[in-house]
Amino acid sequence: LISDESIHQEMLLYWYQNTSHYLHNKYQAKISMIFDSFWQNQSNGAVFVLKFKGSSTESECDQNRLEDFLGSFMNEIAKYLPS
């Protein structure tokens, strides 16, 4: 979801994570969780929602900052999620 208000831009990034699956569709995430419950005896899951604000004039700089942040975020959050 990208909301553009003149110069300022907001971006909402979300995904679901079940055990070792990264999914963007809530129905696929639910089906994956059901299958994991039966075959792996686990029903772990998490929903991540990140909201970013930037300017449309510096979109390439914002994109680089977002990629750097997500790389650091995923490395850090992996310590707390089951594998």
PDB file of N, CA and C in Angstrom:
ATOM      1  N   LEU A   1       0.853  -1.178   0.000  1.00  0.00           N
ATOM      2  CA  LEU A   1       0.000   0.000   0.000  1.00  0.00           C
ATOM      3  C   LEU A   1       0.890   1.230   0.000  1.00  0.00           C
ATOM      4  N   ILE A   2       0.705   2.094  -0.956  1.00  0.00           N
ATOM      5  CA  ILE A   2       1.464   3.342  -1.017  1.00  0.00           C
ATOM      6  C   ILE A   2       0.462   4.479  -1.065  1.00  0.00           C
ATOM      7  N   SER A   3       0.581   5.389  -0.128  1.00  0.00           N
ATOM      8  CA  SER A   3      -0.285   6.557  -0.074  1.00  0.00           C
ATOM      9  C   SER A   3       0.558   7.774  -0.434  1.00  0.00           C
ATOM     10  N   ASP A   4       0.179   8.468  -1.470  1.00  0.00           N
ATOM     11  CA  ASP A   4       0.975   9.603  -1.940  1.00  0.00           C
ATOM     12  C   ASP A   4       0.205  10.894  -1.682  1.00  0.00           C
ATOM     13  N   GLU A   5       0.719  11.738  -0.821  1.00  0.00           N
ATOM     14  CA  GLU A   5       0.122  13.037  -0.534  1.00  0.00           C
ATOM     15  C   GLU A   5       1.119  14.103  -0.932  1.00  0.00           C
ATOM     16  N   SER A   6       0.983  14.624  -2.132  1.00  0.00           N
ATOM     17  CA  SER A   6       1.867  15.619  -2.732  1.00  0.00           C
ATOM     18  C   SER A   6       3.331  15.190  -2.602  1.00  0.00           C
ATOM     19  N   ILE A   7       4.086  15.789  -1.700  1.00  0.00           N
ATOM     20  CA  ILE A   7       5.517  15.514  -1.593  1.00  0.00           C
ATOM     21  C   ILE A   7       5.797  14.337  -0.672  1.00  0.00           C
ATOM     22  N   HIS A   8       4.968  14.123   0.341  1.00  0.00           N
ATOM     23  CA  HIS A   8       5.214  13.057   1.305  1.00  0.00           C
ATOM     24  C   HIS A   8       4.570  11.754   0.839  1.00  0.00           C
ATOM     25  N   GLN A   9       5.271  10.676   1.094  1.00  0.00           N
ATOM     26  CA  GLN A   9       4.810   9.369   0.657  1.00  0.00           C
ATOM     27  C   GLN A   9       4.887   8.407   1.837  1.00  0.00           C
ATOM     28  N   GLU A  10       3.867   7.572   2.003  1.00  0.00           N
ATOM     29  CA  GLU A  10       3.851   6.549   3.045  1.00  0.00           C
ATOM     30  C   GLU A  10       3.803   5.183   2.383  1.00  0.00           C
ATOM     31  N   MET A  11       4.533   4.258   2.945  1.00  0.00           N
ATOM     32  CA  MET A  11       4.522   2.904   2.425  1.00  0.00           C
ATOM     33  C   MET A  11       4.288   1.946   3.575  1.00  0.00           C
ATOM     34  N   LEU A  12       3.376   1.030   3.386  1.00  0.00           N
ATOM     35  CA  LEU A  12       3.057   0.012   4.368  1.00  0.00           C
ATOM     36  C   LEU A  12       3.525  -1.321   3.813  1.00  0.00           C
ATOM     37  N   LEU A  13       4.394  -1.977   4.553  1.00  0.00           N
ATOM     38  CA  LEU A  13       4.954  -3.257   4.139  1.00  0.00           C
ATOM     39  C   LEU A  13       4.535  -4.287   5.172  1.00  0.00           C
ATOM     40  N   TYR A  14       3.919  -5.384   4.722  1.00  0.00           N
ATOM     41  CA  TYR A  14       3.497  -6.408   5.666  1.00  0.00           C
ATOM     42  C   TYR A  14       3.719  -7.784   5.070  1.00  0.00           C
ATOM     43  N   TRP A  15       3.929  -8.737   5.963  1.00  0.00           N
ATOM     44  CA  TRP A  15       4.054 -10.130   5.562  1.00  0.00           C
ATOM     45  C   TRP A  15       3.783 -11.018   6.756  1.00  0.00           C
ATOM     46  N   TYR A  16       3.511 -12.277   6.473  1.00  0.00           N
ATOM     47  CA  TYR A  16       3.258 -13.292   7.484  1.00  0.00           C
ATOM     48  C   TYR A  16       4.429 -14.265   7.459  1.00  0.00           C
ATOM     49  N   GLN A  17       4.815 -14.733   8.621  1.00  0.00           N
ATOM     50  CA  GLN A  17       5.881 -15.724   8.690  1.00  0.00           C
ATOM     51  C   GLN A  17       5.412 -16.896   9.529  1.00  0.00           C
ATOM     52  N   ASN A  18       5.432 -18.089   8.924  1.00  0.00           N
ATOM     53  CA  ASN A  18       5.104 -19.338   9.610  1.00  0.00           C
ATOM     54  C   ASN A  18       6.340 -20.213   9.586  1.00  0.00           C
ATOM     55  N   THR A  19       6.869 -20.522  10.709  1.00  0.00           N
ATOM     56  CA  THR A  19       8.053 -21.356  10.861  1.00  0.00           C
ATOM     57  C   THR A  19       9.148 -20.893   9.907  1.00  0.00           C
ATOM     58  N   SER A  20       9.202 -21.405   8.692  1.00  0.00           N
ATOM     59  CA  SER A  20      10.254 -20.988   7.763  1.00  0.00           C
ATOM     60  C   SER A  20       9.682 -20.419   6.472  1.00  0.00           C
ATOM     61  N   HIS A  21       8.403 -20.059   6.461  1.00  0.00           N
ATOM     62  CA  HIS A  21       7.751 -19.524   5.264  1.00  0.00           C
ATOM     63  C   HIS A  21       7.515 -18.024   5.418  1.00  0.00           C
ATOM     64  N   TYR A  22       7.834 -17.268   4.375  1.00  0.00           N
ATOM     65  CA  TYR A  22       7.501 -15.851   4.319  1.00  0.00           C
ATOM     66  C   TYR A  22       6.382 -15.704   3.292  1.00  0.00           C
ATOM     67  N   LEU A  23       5.224 -15.246   3.731  1.00  0.00           N
ATOM     68  CA  LEU A  23       4.056 -15.186   2.864  1.00  0.00           C
ATOM     69  C   LEU A  23       3.444 -13.791   2.891  1.00  0.00           C
ATOM     70  N   HIS A  24       2.865 -13.375   1.788  1.00  0.00           N
ATOM     71  CA  HIS A  24       2.205 -12.075   1.738  1.00  0.00           C
ATOM     72  C   HIS A  24       0.684 -12.199   1.680  1.00  0.00           C
ATOM     73  N   ASN A  25       0.184 -13.407   1.575  1.00  0.00           N
ATOM     74  CA  ASN A  25      -1.251 -13.640   1.492  1.00  0.00           C
ATOM     75  C   ASN A  25      -1.730 -14.283   2.793  1.00  0.00           C
ATOM     76  N   LYS A  26      -2.719 -13.667   3.430  1.00  0.00           N
ATOM     77  CA  LYS A  26      -3.167 -14.175   4.726  1.00  0.00           C
ATOM     78  C   LYS A  26      -3.798 -15.561   4.625  1.00  0.00           C
ATOM     79  N   TYR A  27      -4.400 -15.894   3.498  1.00  0.00           N
ATOM     80  CA  TYR A  27      -4.996 -17.216   3.334  1.00  0.00           C
ATOM     81  C   TYR A  27      -3.921 -18.288   3.179  1.00  0.00           C
ATOM     82  N   GLN A  28      -2.880 -17.982   2.423  1.00  0.00           N
ATOM     83  CA  GLN A  28      -1.763 -18.913   2.302  1.00  0.00           C
ATOM     84  C   GLN A  28      -1.086 -19.110   3.653  1.00  0.00           C
ATOM     85  N   ALA A  29      -0.984 -18.040   4.425  1.00  0.00           N
ATOM     86  CA  ALA A  29      -0.363 -18.138   5.753  1.00  0.00           C
ATOM     87  C   ALA A  29      -1.191 -19.060   6.658  1.00  0.00           C
ATOM     88  N   LYS A  30      -2.494 -18.947   6.598  1.00  0.00           N
ATOM     89  CA  LYS A  30      -3.363 -19.790   7.426  1.00  0.00           C
ATOM     90  C   LYS A  30      -3.259 -21.258   6.996  1.00  0.00           C
ATOM     91  N   ILE A  31      -3.276 -21.509   5.700  1.00  0.00           N
ATOM     92  CA  ILE A  31      -3.149 -22.880   5.201  1.00  0.00           C
ATOM     93  C   ILE A  31      -1.792 -23.460   5.593  1.00  0.00           C
ATOM     94  N   SER A  32      -0.754 -22.658   5.466  1.00  0.00           N
ATOM     95  CA  SER A  32       0.588 -23.108   5.851  1.00  0.00           C
ATOM     96  C   SER A  32       0.645 -23.453   7.333  1.00  0.00           C
ATOM     97  N   MET A  33      -0.018 -22.632   8.164  1.00  0.00           N
ATOM     98  CA  MET A  33      -0.026 -22.886   9.596  1.00  0.00           C
ATOM     99  C   MET A  33      -0.769 -24.193   9.910  1.00  0.00           C
ATOM    100  N   ILE A  34      -1.852 -24.460   9.196  1.00  0.00           N
ATOM    101  CA  ILE A  34      -2.606 -25.703   9.412  1.00  0.00           C
ATOM    102  C   ILE A  34      -1.755 -26.910   9.048  1.00  0.00           C
ATOM    103  N   PHE A  35      -1.082 -26.851   7.890  1.00  0.00           N
ATOM    104  CA  PHE A  35      -0.226 -27.960   7.480  1.00  0.00           C
ATOM    105  C   PHE A  35       0.939 -28.156   8.455  1.00  0.00           C
ATOM    106  N   ASP A  36       1.549 -27.044   8.889  1.00  0.00           N
ATOM    107  CA  ASP A  36       2.645 -27.140   9.863  1.00  0.00           C
ATOM    108  C   ASP A  36       2.156 -27.772  11.169  1.00  0.00           C
ATOM    109  N   SER A  37       0.918 -27.484  11.548  1.00  0.00           N
ATOM    110  CA  SER A  37       0.365 -28.063  12.776  1.00  0.00           C
ATOM    111  C   SER A  37       0.283 -29.580  12.686  1.00  0.00           C
ATOM    112  N   PHE A  38      -0.127 -30.078  11.531  1.00  0.00           N
ATOM    113  CA  PHE A  38      -0.260 -31.522  11.360  1.00  0.00           C
ATOM    114  C   PHE A  38       1.082 -32.222  11.157  1.00  0.00           C
ATOM    115  N   TRP A  39       1.915 -31.687  10.281  1.00  0.00           N
ATOM    116  CA  TRP A  39       3.131 -32.406   9.898  1.00  0.00           C
ATOM    117  C   TRP A  39       4.353 -32.094  10.755  1.00  0.00           C
ATOM    118  N   GLN A  40       4.416 -30.889  11.329  1.00  0.00           N
ATOM    119  CA  GLN A  40       5.574 -30.537  12.143  1.00  0.00           C
ATOM    120  C   GLN A  40       5.216 -30.365  13.611  1.00  0.00           C
ATOM    121  N   ASN A  41       3.958 -30.535  13.938  1.00  0.00           N
ATOM    122  CA  ASN A  41       3.473 -30.371  15.302  1.00  0.00           C
ATOM    123  C   ASN A  41       3.806 -28.978  15.852  1.00  0.00           C
ATOM    124  N   GLN A  42       3.727 -27.970  14.970  1.00  0.00           N
ATOM    125  CA  GLN A  42       3.977 -26.576  15.342  1.00  0.00           C
ATOM    126  C   GLN A  42       2.932 -25.701  14.665  1.00  0.00           C
ATOM    127  N   SER A  43       2.548 -24.657  15.334  1.00  0.00           N
ATOM    128  CA  SER A  43       1.650 -23.674  14.707  1.00  0.00           C
ATOM    129  C   SER A  43       2.172 -22.265  14.971  1.00  0.00           C
ATOM    130  N   ASN A  44       3.475 -22.116  14.872  1.00  0.00           N
ATOM    131  CA  ASN A  44       4.095 -20.814  15.104  1.00  0.00           C
ATOM    132  C   ASN A  44       3.778 -19.873  13.950  1.00  0.00           C
ATOM    133  N   GLY A  45       3.621 -18.621  14.273  1.00  0.00           N
ATOM    134  CA  GLY A  45       3.380 -17.641  13.223  1.00  0.00           C
ATOM    135  C   GLY A  45       3.543 -16.233  13.746  1.00  0.00           C
ATOM    136  N   ALA A  46       3.818 -15.326  12.824  1.00  0.00           N
ATOM    137  CA  ALA A  46       3.970 -13.918  13.178  1.00  0.00           C
ATOM    138  C   ALA A  46       3.494 -13.068  12.008  1.00  0.00           C
ATOM    139  N   VAL A  47       2.992 -11.896  12.327  1.00  0.00           N
ATOM    140  CA  VAL A  47       2.607 -10.917  11.322  1.00  0.00           C
ATOM    141  C   VAL A  47       3.491  -9.703  11.535  1.00  0.00           C
ATOM    142  N   PHE A  48       4.107  -9.231  10.467  1.00  0.00           N
ATOM    143  CA  PHE A  48       4.955  -8.048  10.541  1.00  0.00           C
ATOM    144  C   PHE A  48       4.319  -6.935   9.731  1.00  0.00           C
ATOM    145  N   VAL A  49       4.227  -5.761  10.324  1.00  0.00           N
ATOM    146  CA  VAL A  49       3.691  -4.595   9.639  1.00  0.00           C
ATOM    147  C   VAL A  49       4.670  -3.451   9.890  1.00  0.00           C
ATOM    148  N   LEU A  50       5.205  -2.897   8.808  1.00  0.00           N
ATOM    149  CA  LEU A  50       6.150  -1.788   8.904  1.00  0.00           C
ATOM    150  C   LEU A  50       5.612  -0.624   8.088  1.00  0.00           C
ATOM    151  N   LYS A  51       5.628   0.565   8.666  1.00  0.00           N
ATOM    152  CA  LYS A  51       5.144   1.758   7.981  1.00  0.00           C
ATOM    153  C   LYS A  51       6.305   2.723   7.822  1.00  0.00           C
ATOM    154  N   PHE A  52       6.502   3.180   6.607  1.00  0.00           N
ATOM    155  CA  PHE A  52       7.606   4.078   6.308  1.00  0.00           C
ATOM    156  C   PHE A  52       7.069   5.356   5.698  1.00  0.00           C
ATOM    157  N   LYS A  53       7.736   6.441   6.039  1.00  0.00           N
ATOM    158  CA  LYS A  53       7.411   7.730   5.438  1.00  0.00           C
ATOM    159  C   LYS A  53       8.648   8.224   4.700  1.00  0.00           C
ATOM    160  N   GLY A  54       8.436   8.828   3.558  1.00  0.00           N
ATOM    161  CA  GLY A  54       9.541   9.360   2.781  1.00  0.00           C
ATOM    162  C   GLY A  54       9.039  10.472   1.887  1.00  0.00           C
ATOM    163  N   SER A  55       9.929  10.955   1.053  1.00  0.00           N
ATOM    164  CA  SER A  55       9.528  11.991   0.108  1.00  0.00           C
ATOM    165  C   SER A  55       9.672  11.440  -1.299  1.00  0.00           C
ATOM    166  N   SER A  56       8.785  11.853  -2.165  1.00  0.00           N
ATOM    167  CA  SER A  56       8.823  11.347  -3.540  1.00  0.00           C
ATOM    168  C   SER A  56      10.014  11.887  -4.304  1.00  0.00           C
ATOM    169  N   THR A  57      10.642  12.949  -3.810  1.00  0.00           N
ATOM    170  CA  THR A  57      11.795  13.518  -4.510  1.00  0.00           C
ATOM    171  C   THR A  57      13.074  12.750  -4.212  1.00  0.00           C
ATOM    172  N   GLU A  58      13.110  11.990  -3.138  1.00  0.00           N
ATOM    173  CA  GLU A  58      14.309  11.234  -2.769  1.00  0.00           C
ATOM    174  C   GLU A  58      14.001   9.738  -2.711  1.00  0.00           C
ATOM    175  N   SER A  59      13.247   9.236  -3.670  1.00  0.00           N
ATOM    176  CA  SER A  59      12.780   7.853  -3.605  1.00  0.00           C
ATOM    177  C   SER A  59      13.918   6.835  -3.691  1.00  0.00           C
ATOM    178  N   GLU A  60      14.961   7.090  -4.471  1.00  0.00           N
ATOM    179  CA  GLU A  60      16.066   6.130  -4.565  1.00  0.00           C
ATOM    180  C   GLU A  60      16.830   6.049  -3.245  1.00  0.00           C
ATOM    181  N   CYS A  61      17.057   7.184  -2.602  1.00  0.00           N
ATOM    182  CA  CYS A  61      17.716   7.215  -1.293  1.00  0.00           C
ATOM    183  C   CYS A  61      16.855   6.492  -0.259  1.00  0.00           C
ATOM    184  N   ASP A  62      15.539   6.750  -0.291  1.00  0.00           N
ATOM    185  CA  ASP A  62      14.619   6.080   0.632  1.00  0.00           C
ATOM    186  C   ASP A  62      14.620   4.577   0.403  1.00  0.00           C
ATOM    187  N   GLN A  63      14.681   4.146  -0.851  1.00  0.00           N
ATOM    188  CA  GLN A  63      14.702   2.719  -1.172  1.00  0.00           C
ATOM    189  C   GLN A  63      15.948   2.060  -0.604  1.00  0.00           C
ATOM    190  N   ASN A  64      17.098   2.702  -0.729  1.00  0.00           N
ATOM    191  CA  ASN A  64      18.351   2.158  -0.184  1.00  0.00           C
ATOM    192  C   ASN A  64      18.299   2.073   1.337  1.00  0.00           C
ATOM    193  N   ARG A  65      17.767   3.102   1.983  1.00  0.00           N
ATOM    194  CA  ARG A  65      17.639   3.092   3.434  1.00  0.00           C
ATOM    195  C   ARG A  65      16.697   1.987   3.890  1.00  0.00           C
ATOM    196  N   LEU A  66      15.605   1.792   3.158  1.00  0.00           N
ATOM    197  CA  LEU A  66      14.644   0.750   3.481  1.00  0.00           C
ATOM    198  C   LEU A  66      15.287  -0.632   3.352  1.00  0.00           C
ATOM    199  N   GLU A  67      16.040  -0.880   2.290  1.00  0.00           N
ATOM    200  CA  GLU A  67      16.709  -2.162   2.106  1.00  0.00           C
ATOM    201  C   GLU A  67      17.730  -2.421   3.207  1.00  0.00           C
ATOM    202  N   ASP A  68      18.491  -1.398   3.596  1.00  0.00           N
ATOM    203  CA  ASP A  68      19.457  -1.544   4.695  1.00  0.00           C
ATOM    204  C   ASP A  68      18.745  -1.871   6.003  1.00  0.00           C
ATOM    205  N   PHE A  69      17.649  -1.151   6.278  1.00  0.00           N
ATOM    206  CA  PHE A  69      16.905  -1.385   7.508  1.00  0.00           C
ATOM    207  C   PHE A  69      16.327  -2.799   7.539  1.00  0.00           C
ATOM    208  N   LEU A  70      15.716  -3.225   6.431  1.00  0.00           N
ATOM    209  CA  LEU A  70      15.102  -4.556   6.405  1.00  0.00           C
ATOM    210  C   LEU A  70      16.139  -5.659   6.572  1.00  0.00           C
ATOM    211  N   GLY A  71      17.331  -5.469   6.005  1.00  0.00           N
ATOM    212  CA  GLY A  71      18.395  -6.448   6.194  1.00  0.00           C
ATOM    213  C   GLY A  71      18.768  -6.569   7.663  1.00  0.00           C
ATOM    214  N   SER A  72      18.946  -5.450   8.325  1.00  0.00           N
ATOM    215  CA  SER A  72      19.274  -5.447   9.758  1.00  0.00           C
ATOM    216  C   SER A  72      18.114  -5.995  10.584  1.00  0.00           C
ATOM    217  N   PHE A  73      16.907  -5.598  10.235  1.00  0.00           N
ATOM    218  CA  PHE A  73      15.714  -6.034  10.965  1.00  0.00           C
ATOM    219  C   PHE A  73      15.555  -7.548  10.888  1.00  0.00           C
ATOM    220  N   MET A  74      15.687  -8.105   9.697  1.00  0.00           N
ATOM    221  CA  MET A  74      15.502  -9.553   9.532  1.00  0.00           C
ATOM    222  C   MET A  74      16.578 -10.337  10.273  1.00  0.00           C
ATOM    223  N   ASN A  75      17.811  -9.841  10.281  1.00  0.00           N
ATOM    224  CA  ASN A  75      18.877 -10.510  11.039  1.00  0.00           C
ATOM    225  C   ASN A  75      18.590 -10.484  12.535  1.00  0.00           C
ATOM    226  N   GLU A  76      18.100  -9.373  13.018  1.00  0.00           N
ATOM    227  CA  GLU A  76      17.834  -9.228  14.451  1.00  0.00           C
ATOM    228  C   GLU A  76      16.605 -10.034  14.875  1.00  0.00           C
ATOM    229  N   ILE A  77      15.537  -9.963  14.093  1.00  0.00           N
ATOM    230  CA  ILE A  77      14.301 -10.639  14.475  1.00  0.00           C
ATOM    231  C   ILE A  77      14.447 -12.154  14.388  1.00  0.00           C
ATOM    232  N   ALA A  78      15.362 -12.646  13.561  1.00  0.00           N
ATOM    233  CA  ALA A  78      15.571 -14.088  13.425  1.00  0.00           C
ATOM    234  C   ALA A  78      16.016 -14.710  14.748  1.00  0.00           C
ATOM    235  N   LYS A  79      16.613 -13.926  15.622  1.00  0.00           N
ATOM    236  CA  LYS A  79      17.057 -14.431  16.920  1.00  0.00           C
ATOM    237  C   LYS A  79      15.871 -14.817  17.813  1.00  0.00           C
ATOM    238  N   TYR A  80      14.717 -14.222  17.566  1.00  0.00           N
ATOM    239  CA  TYR A  80      13.562 -14.401  18.438  1.00  0.00           C
ATOM    240  C   TYR A  80      12.489 -15.317  17.861  1.00  0.00           C
ATOM    241  N   LEU A  81      12.614 -15.660  16.593  1.00  0.00           N
ATOM    242  CA  LEU A  81      11.607 -16.500  15.955  1.00  0.00           C
ATOM    243  C   LEU A  81      12.076 -17.941  15.902  1.00  0.00           C
ATOM    244  N   PRO A  82      11.164 -18.880  16.050  1.00  0.00           N
ATOM    245  CA  PRO A  82      11.555 -20.287  15.948  1.00  0.00           C
ATOM    246  C   PRO A  82      11.982 -20.632  14.528  1.00  0.00           C
ATOM    247  N   SER A  83      12.919 -21.538  14.398  1.00  0.00           N
ATOM    248  CA  SER A  83      13.384 -21.915  13.069  1.00  0.00           C
ATOM    249  C   SER A  83      12.892 -23.285  12.679  1.00  0.00           C
TER     250      SER A  83
END
